[in-house]
């Protein structure tokens, strides 16, 4: 599970339906839509081409400030599809648990 308000790398695949294979070198044709808790926006994050149709972006801490996100990349290249990715965060609970554990261990050592 992703941690709310912490940056996160996301990988996705661009698939050419005609050739039935990943398409490299297509990142410049991708529009990145990010839906955060129901609010959609186009984001301009850098896209890294990993080869063979694999791409990666880094979502910032600010972009990860949501309980539910959907990354919806779209390619303008005809015949290329990219599936959306659902990201659910811990809603800030991981940090709260770690803080409680830290304060608990500090209290017991005193």
N, C-alpha and C. Protein backbone atom coordinates (compact mmCIF):
# COMPACT_ATOMS: atom_id res chain seq x y z
N UNK A 1 0.85 -1.17 0.00
CA UNK A 1 0.00 0.00 0.00
C UNK A 1 0.89 1.24 0.00
N UNK A 2 0.50 2.23 -0.76
CA UNK A 2 1.25 3.48 -0.84
C UNK A 2 1.04 4.30 0.43
N UNK A 3 2.02 5.09 0.78
CA UNK A 3 1.94 5.93 1.97
C UNK A 3 1.54 7.34 1.55
N UNK A 4 0.49 7.84 2.18
CA UNK A 4 -0.02 9.17 1.87
C UNK A 4 1.06 10.22 2.14
N UNK A 5 1.18 11.20 1.27
CA UNK A 5 2.13 12.31 1.38
C UNK A 5 3.59 11.87 1.26
N UNK A 6 3.84 10.73 0.65
CA UNK A 6 5.21 10.28 0.37
C UNK A 6 5.32 10.03 -1.14
N UNK A 7 6.42 10.48 -1.74
CA UNK A 7 6.58 10.29 -3.19
C UNK A 7 6.58 8.81 -3.55
N UNK A 8 6.17 8.53 -4.78
CA UNK A 8 6.01 7.15 -5.21
C UNK A 8 6.30 7.03 -6.69
N UNK A 9 7.17 6.06 -7.04
CA UNK A 9 7.41 5.74 -8.45
C UNK A 9 6.30 4.82 -8.94
N UNK A 10 5.77 5.13 -10.11
CA UNK A 10 4.74 4.31 -10.74
C UNK A 10 5.22 3.92 -12.13
N UNK A 11 5.11 2.65 -12.45
CA UNK A 11 5.45 2.16 -13.80
C UNK A 11 4.18 1.79 -14.53
N UNK A 12 4.19 2.02 -15.83
CA UNK A 12 3.06 1.62 -16.66
C UNK A 12 3.57 1.17 -18.01
N UNK A 13 2.72 0.51 -18.78
CA UNK A 13 3.12 -0.06 -20.06
C UNK A 13 2.24 0.50 -21.18
N UNK A 14 2.89 0.93 -22.25
CA UNK A 14 2.19 1.36 -23.47
C UNK A 14 2.19 0.18 -24.44
N UNK A 15 1.01 -0.20 -24.89
CA UNK A 15 0.84 -1.41 -25.68
C UNK A 15 0.29 -1.08 -27.05
N UNK A 16 0.98 -1.56 -28.08
CA UNK A 16 0.52 -1.38 -29.46
C UNK A 16 -0.40 -2.54 -29.81
N UNK A 17 -1.68 -2.25 -30.04
CA UNK A 17 -2.66 -3.31 -30.32
C UNK A 17 -2.38 -4.01 -31.65
N UNK A 18 -1.84 -3.28 -32.62
CA UNK A 18 -1.59 -3.87 -33.94
C UNK A 18 -0.45 -4.88 -33.91
N UNK A 19 0.65 -4.49 -33.28
CA UNK A 19 1.83 -5.36 -33.25
C UNK A 19 1.82 -6.31 -32.05
N UNK A 20 0.87 -6.09 -31.14
CA UNK A 20 0.78 -6.87 -29.91
C UNK A 20 2.09 -6.89 -29.13
N UNK A 21 2.63 -5.69 -28.97
CA UNK A 21 3.89 -5.56 -28.22
C UNK A 21 3.96 -4.17 -27.59
N UNK A 22 4.88 -4.06 -26.62
CA UNK A 22 5.11 -2.77 -26.00
C UNK A 22 5.75 -1.83 -27.01
N UNK A 23 5.50 -0.53 -26.84
CA UNK A 23 6.05 0.45 -27.77
C UNK A 23 6.97 1.41 -27.01
N UNK A 24 8.24 1.34 -27.35
CA UNK A 24 9.24 2.22 -26.74
C UNK A 24 9.27 3.54 -27.51
N UNK A 25 9.80 4.58 -26.87
CA UNK A 25 9.96 5.87 -27.54
C UNK A 25 8.67 6.63 -27.72
N UNK A 26 7.63 6.26 -27.00
CA UNK A 26 6.32 6.89 -27.17
C UNK A 26 6.00 7.89 -26.06
N UNK A 27 6.86 8.03 -25.07
CA UNK A 27 6.58 8.87 -23.90
C UNK A 27 6.21 10.30 -24.23
N UNK A 28 6.77 10.86 -25.29
CA UNK A 28 6.44 12.23 -25.70
C UNK A 28 5.00 12.38 -26.16
N UNK A 29 4.35 11.27 -26.45
CA UNK A 29 2.95 11.29 -26.89
C UNK A 29 1.98 10.99 -25.75
N UNK A 30 2.48 10.88 -24.53
CA UNK A 30 1.62 10.52 -23.40
C UNK A 30 1.13 11.77 -22.67
N UNK A 31 -0.14 11.77 -22.36
CA UNK A 31 -0.72 12.77 -21.47
C UNK A 31 -1.03 12.04 -20.18
N UNK A 32 -0.58 12.61 -19.06
CA UNK A 32 -0.78 11.97 -17.76
C UNK A 32 -1.93 12.64 -17.02
N UNK A 33 -2.99 11.90 -16.82
CA UNK A 33 -4.13 12.39 -16.04
C UNK A 33 -4.06 11.74 -14.67
N UNK A 34 -4.21 12.55 -13.63
CA UNK A 34 -4.20 12.03 -12.26
C UNK A 34 -5.51 12.42 -11.59
N UNK A 35 -6.22 11.42 -11.11
CA UNK A 35 -7.47 11.64 -10.40
C UNK A 35 -7.19 11.43 -8.92
N UNK A 36 -7.28 12.49 -8.14
CA UNK A 36 -7.00 12.45 -6.71
C UNK A 36 -8.28 12.67 -5.93
N UNK A 37 -8.74 11.65 -5.23
CA UNK A 37 -9.98 11.73 -4.47
C UNK A 37 -11.11 12.31 -5.32
N UNK A 38 -11.18 11.88 -6.58
CA UNK A 38 -12.26 12.27 -7.47
C UNK A 38 -12.02 13.52 -8.30
N UNK A 39 -10.92 14.23 -8.07
CA UNK A 39 -10.62 15.45 -8.81
C UNK A 39 -9.54 15.14 -9.85
N UNK A 40 -9.87 15.37 -11.13
CA UNK A 40 -8.94 15.03 -12.21
C UNK A 40 -8.14 16.24 -12.66
N UNK A 41 -6.85 16.02 -12.92
CA UNK A 41 -5.97 17.07 -13.43
C UNK A 41 -4.92 16.43 -14.34
N UNK A 42 -4.47 17.20 -15.31
CA UNK A 42 -3.35 16.77 -16.15
C UNK A 42 -2.08 17.17 -15.43
N UNK A 43 -1.15 16.22 -15.30
CA UNK A 43 0.11 16.51 -14.62
C UNK A 43 1.26 16.46 -15.63
N UNK A 44 2.32 17.17 -15.33
CA UNK A 44 3.45 17.29 -16.27
C UNK A 44 4.71 16.63 -15.73
N UNK A 45 4.56 15.56 -14.99
CA UNK A 45 5.72 14.85 -14.43
C UNK A 45 6.59 14.28 -15.55
N UNK A 46 7.89 14.22 -15.28
CA UNK A 46 8.82 13.65 -16.26
C UNK A 46 8.53 12.17 -16.45
N UNK A 47 8.57 11.73 -17.70
CA UNK A 47 8.33 10.32 -18.04
C UNK A 47 9.67 9.69 -18.42
N UNK A 48 10.01 8.60 -17.77
CA UNK A 48 11.24 7.87 -18.08
C UNK A 48 10.88 6.64 -18.91
N UNK A 49 11.51 6.50 -20.06
CA UNK A 49 11.31 5.34 -20.93
C UNK A 49 12.25 4.24 -20.48
N UNK A 50 11.69 3.14 -19.99
CA UNK A 50 12.50 2.02 -19.50
C UNK A 50 12.76 0.98 -20.58
N UNK A 51 12.18 1.19 -21.77
CA UNK A 51 12.35 0.24 -22.87
C UNK A 51 11.22 -0.77 -22.93
N UNK A 52 11.01 -1.33 -24.10
CA UNK A 52 10.01 -2.37 -24.34
C UNK A 52 8.59 -1.95 -23.93
N UNK A 53 8.31 -0.66 -24.04
CA UNK A 53 6.97 -0.17 -23.71
C UNK A 53 6.74 0.15 -22.26
N UNK A 54 7.76 0.00 -21.42
CA UNK A 54 7.65 0.30 -19.99
C UNK A 54 8.05 1.76 -19.75
N UNK A 55 7.26 2.46 -18.95
CA UNK A 55 7.53 3.85 -18.60
C UNK A 55 7.38 4.02 -17.10
N UNK A 56 8.05 5.06 -16.57
CA UNK A 56 7.98 5.30 -15.13
C UNK A 56 7.87 6.79 -14.88
N UNK A 57 7.07 7.14 -13.87
CA UNK A 57 6.99 8.53 -13.42
C UNK A 57 7.13 8.54 -11.90
N UNK A 58 7.45 9.70 -11.37
CA UNK A 58 7.54 9.89 -9.93
C UNK A 58 6.40 10.82 -9.52
N UNK A 59 5.50 10.31 -8.69
CA UNK A 59 4.46 11.16 -8.12
C UNK A 59 5.04 11.85 -6.90
N UNK A 60 4.86 13.16 -6.80
CA UNK A 60 5.42 13.94 -5.71
C UNK A 60 4.62 13.74 -4.42
N UNK A 61 5.19 14.20 -3.31
CA UNK A 61 4.49 14.15 -2.03
C UNK A 61 3.15 14.87 -2.11
N UNK A 62 3.17 16.03 -2.79
CA UNK A 62 1.94 16.82 -2.92
C UNK A 62 0.88 16.07 -3.73
N UNK A 63 1.30 15.39 -4.79
CA UNK A 63 0.36 14.62 -5.60
C UNK A 63 -0.17 13.41 -4.85
N UNK A 64 0.61 12.91 -3.91
CA UNK A 64 0.21 11.74 -3.12
C UNK A 64 -0.64 12.11 -1.91
N UNK A 65 -1.05 13.36 -1.79
CA UNK A 65 -1.89 13.81 -0.68
C UNK A 65 -3.35 13.50 -0.98
N UNK A 66 -3.66 12.22 -1.02
CA UNK A 66 -5.02 11.75 -1.31
C UNK A 66 -5.18 10.35 -0.75
N UNK A 67 -6.42 9.96 -0.54
CA UNK A 67 -6.70 8.59 -0.08
C UNK A 67 -6.76 7.61 -1.24
N UNK A 68 -7.20 8.11 -2.39
CA UNK A 68 -7.35 7.29 -3.58
C UNK A 68 -6.90 8.09 -4.79
N UNK A 69 -6.05 7.48 -5.61
CA UNK A 69 -5.58 8.13 -6.83
C UNK A 69 -5.72 7.15 -7.99
N UNK A 70 -5.93 7.70 -9.16
CA UNK A 70 -5.91 6.90 -10.38
C UNK A 70 -5.02 7.62 -11.38
N UNK A 71 -3.97 6.95 -11.83
CA UNK A 71 -3.13 7.48 -12.90
C UNK A 71 -3.72 6.96 -14.20
N UNK A 72 -4.07 7.89 -15.08
CA UNK A 72 -4.69 7.51 -16.35
C UNK A 72 -3.88 8.11 -17.50
N UNK A 73 -2.78 7.42 -17.88
CA UNK A 73 -1.99 7.89 -19.02
C UNK A 73 -2.72 7.60 -20.33
N UNK A 74 -2.58 8.51 -21.28
CA UNK A 74 -3.20 8.34 -22.59
C UNK A 74 -2.14 8.65 -23.64
N UNK A 75 -2.04 7.79 -24.66
CA UNK A 75 -1.12 8.04 -25.77
C UNK A 75 -1.90 8.59 -26.96
N UNK A 76 -1.32 9.57 -27.63
CA UNK A 76 -1.94 10.11 -28.84
C UNK A 76 -1.56 9.29 -30.07
N UNK A 77 -0.69 8.29 -29.89
CA UNK A 77 -0.30 7.42 -31.00
C UNK A 77 -1.45 6.46 -31.32
N UNK A 78 -1.90 6.44 -32.57
CA UNK A 78 -3.00 5.54 -32.94
C UNK A 78 -2.67 4.08 -32.62
N UNK A 79 -3.63 3.38 -32.04
CA UNK A 79 -3.47 1.96 -31.75
C UNK A 79 -2.72 1.64 -30.48
N UNK A 80 -2.27 2.67 -29.74
CA UNK A 80 -1.53 2.43 -28.50
C UNK A 80 -2.47 2.64 -27.32
N UNK A 81 -2.53 1.65 -26.45
CA UNK A 81 -3.37 1.74 -25.26
C UNK A 81 -2.51 1.67 -24.01
N UNK A 82 -3.00 2.33 -22.97
CA UNK A 82 -2.33 2.31 -21.67
C UNK A 82 -3.44 2.16 -20.62
N UNK A 83 -3.32 1.17 -19.77
CA UNK A 83 -4.33 0.95 -18.76
C UNK A 83 -4.12 1.88 -17.57
N UNK A 84 -5.22 2.27 -16.94
CA UNK A 84 -5.18 3.10 -15.74
C UNK A 84 -4.64 2.29 -14.56
N UNK A 85 -4.10 3.01 -13.60
CA UNK A 85 -3.55 2.37 -12.40
C UNK A 85 -4.21 3.00 -11.17
N UNK A 86 -4.82 2.17 -10.34
CA UNK A 86 -5.44 2.62 -9.10
C UNK A 86 -4.41 2.55 -7.98
N UNK A 87 -4.33 3.62 -7.21
CA UNK A 87 -3.40 3.69 -6.08
C UNK A 87 -4.21 4.04 -4.83
N UNK A 88 -4.15 3.18 -3.84
CA UNK A 88 -4.81 3.47 -2.57
C UNK A 88 -3.73 3.75 -1.54
N UNK A 89 -3.89 4.83 -0.80
CA UNK A 89 -2.90 5.16 0.23
C UNK A 89 -3.39 4.66 1.59
N UNK A 90 -2.48 4.73 2.53
CA UNK A 90 -2.79 4.29 3.89
C UNK A 90 -3.57 5.36 4.66
N UNK A 91 -3.90 6.47 4.02
CA UNK A 91 -4.65 7.58 4.60
C UNK A 91 -3.93 8.20 5.79
N UNK A 92 -2.61 8.10 5.80
CA UNK A 92 -1.82 8.70 6.86
C UNK A 92 -1.64 7.84 8.09
N UNK A 93 -2.18 6.62 8.08
CA UNK A 93 -2.14 5.78 9.28
C UNK A 93 -0.74 5.25 9.59
N UNK A 94 0.06 4.98 8.57
CA UNK A 94 1.41 4.43 8.82
C UNK A 94 2.24 5.40 9.66
N UNK A 95 2.22 6.69 9.32
CA UNK A 95 2.98 7.67 10.09
C UNK A 95 2.48 7.76 11.53
N UNK A 96 1.16 7.69 11.71
CA UNK A 96 0.59 7.75 13.05
C UNK A 96 1.04 6.55 13.89
N UNK A 97 1.04 5.37 13.30
CA UNK A 97 1.47 4.16 14.00
C UNK A 97 2.94 4.26 14.38
N UNK A 98 3.78 4.71 13.45
CA UNK A 98 5.21 4.86 13.73
C UNK A 98 5.46 5.88 14.84
N UNK A 99 4.68 6.97 14.83
CA UNK A 99 4.83 7.97 15.89
C UNK A 99 4.42 7.40 17.24
N UNK A 100 3.34 6.62 17.27
CA UNK A 100 2.91 5.99 18.51
C UNK A 100 3.95 5.00 19.01
N UNK A 101 4.51 4.21 18.12
CA UNK A 101 5.54 3.25 18.51
C UNK A 101 6.77 3.97 19.04
N UNK A 102 7.14 5.05 18.39
CA UNK A 102 8.32 5.81 18.81
C UNK A 102 8.10 6.43 20.19
N UNK A 103 6.93 7.03 20.41
CA UNK A 103 6.67 7.63 21.71
C UNK A 103 6.52 6.57 22.79
N UNK A 104 6.01 5.42 22.43
CA UNK A 104 5.86 4.31 23.38
C UNK A 104 7.23 3.79 23.81
N UNK A 105 8.14 3.63 22.85
CA UNK A 105 9.47 3.12 23.19
C UNK A 105 10.27 4.17 23.96
N UNK A 106 10.04 5.45 23.70
CA UNK A 106 10.72 6.52 24.43
C UNK A 106 10.25 6.53 25.88
N UNK A 107 8.95 6.31 26.10
CA UNK A 107 8.38 6.32 27.44
C UNK A 107 8.88 5.15 28.27
N UNK A 108 9.01 3.99 27.62
CA UNK A 108 9.41 2.79 28.36
C UNK A 108 10.90 2.80 28.69
N UNK A 109 11.70 3.57 27.94
CA UNK A 109 13.14 3.60 28.23
C UNK A 109 13.47 4.67 29.25
N UNK A 110 12.50 5.51 29.60
CA UNK A 110 12.75 6.59 30.56
C UNK A 110 12.62 6.15 31.98
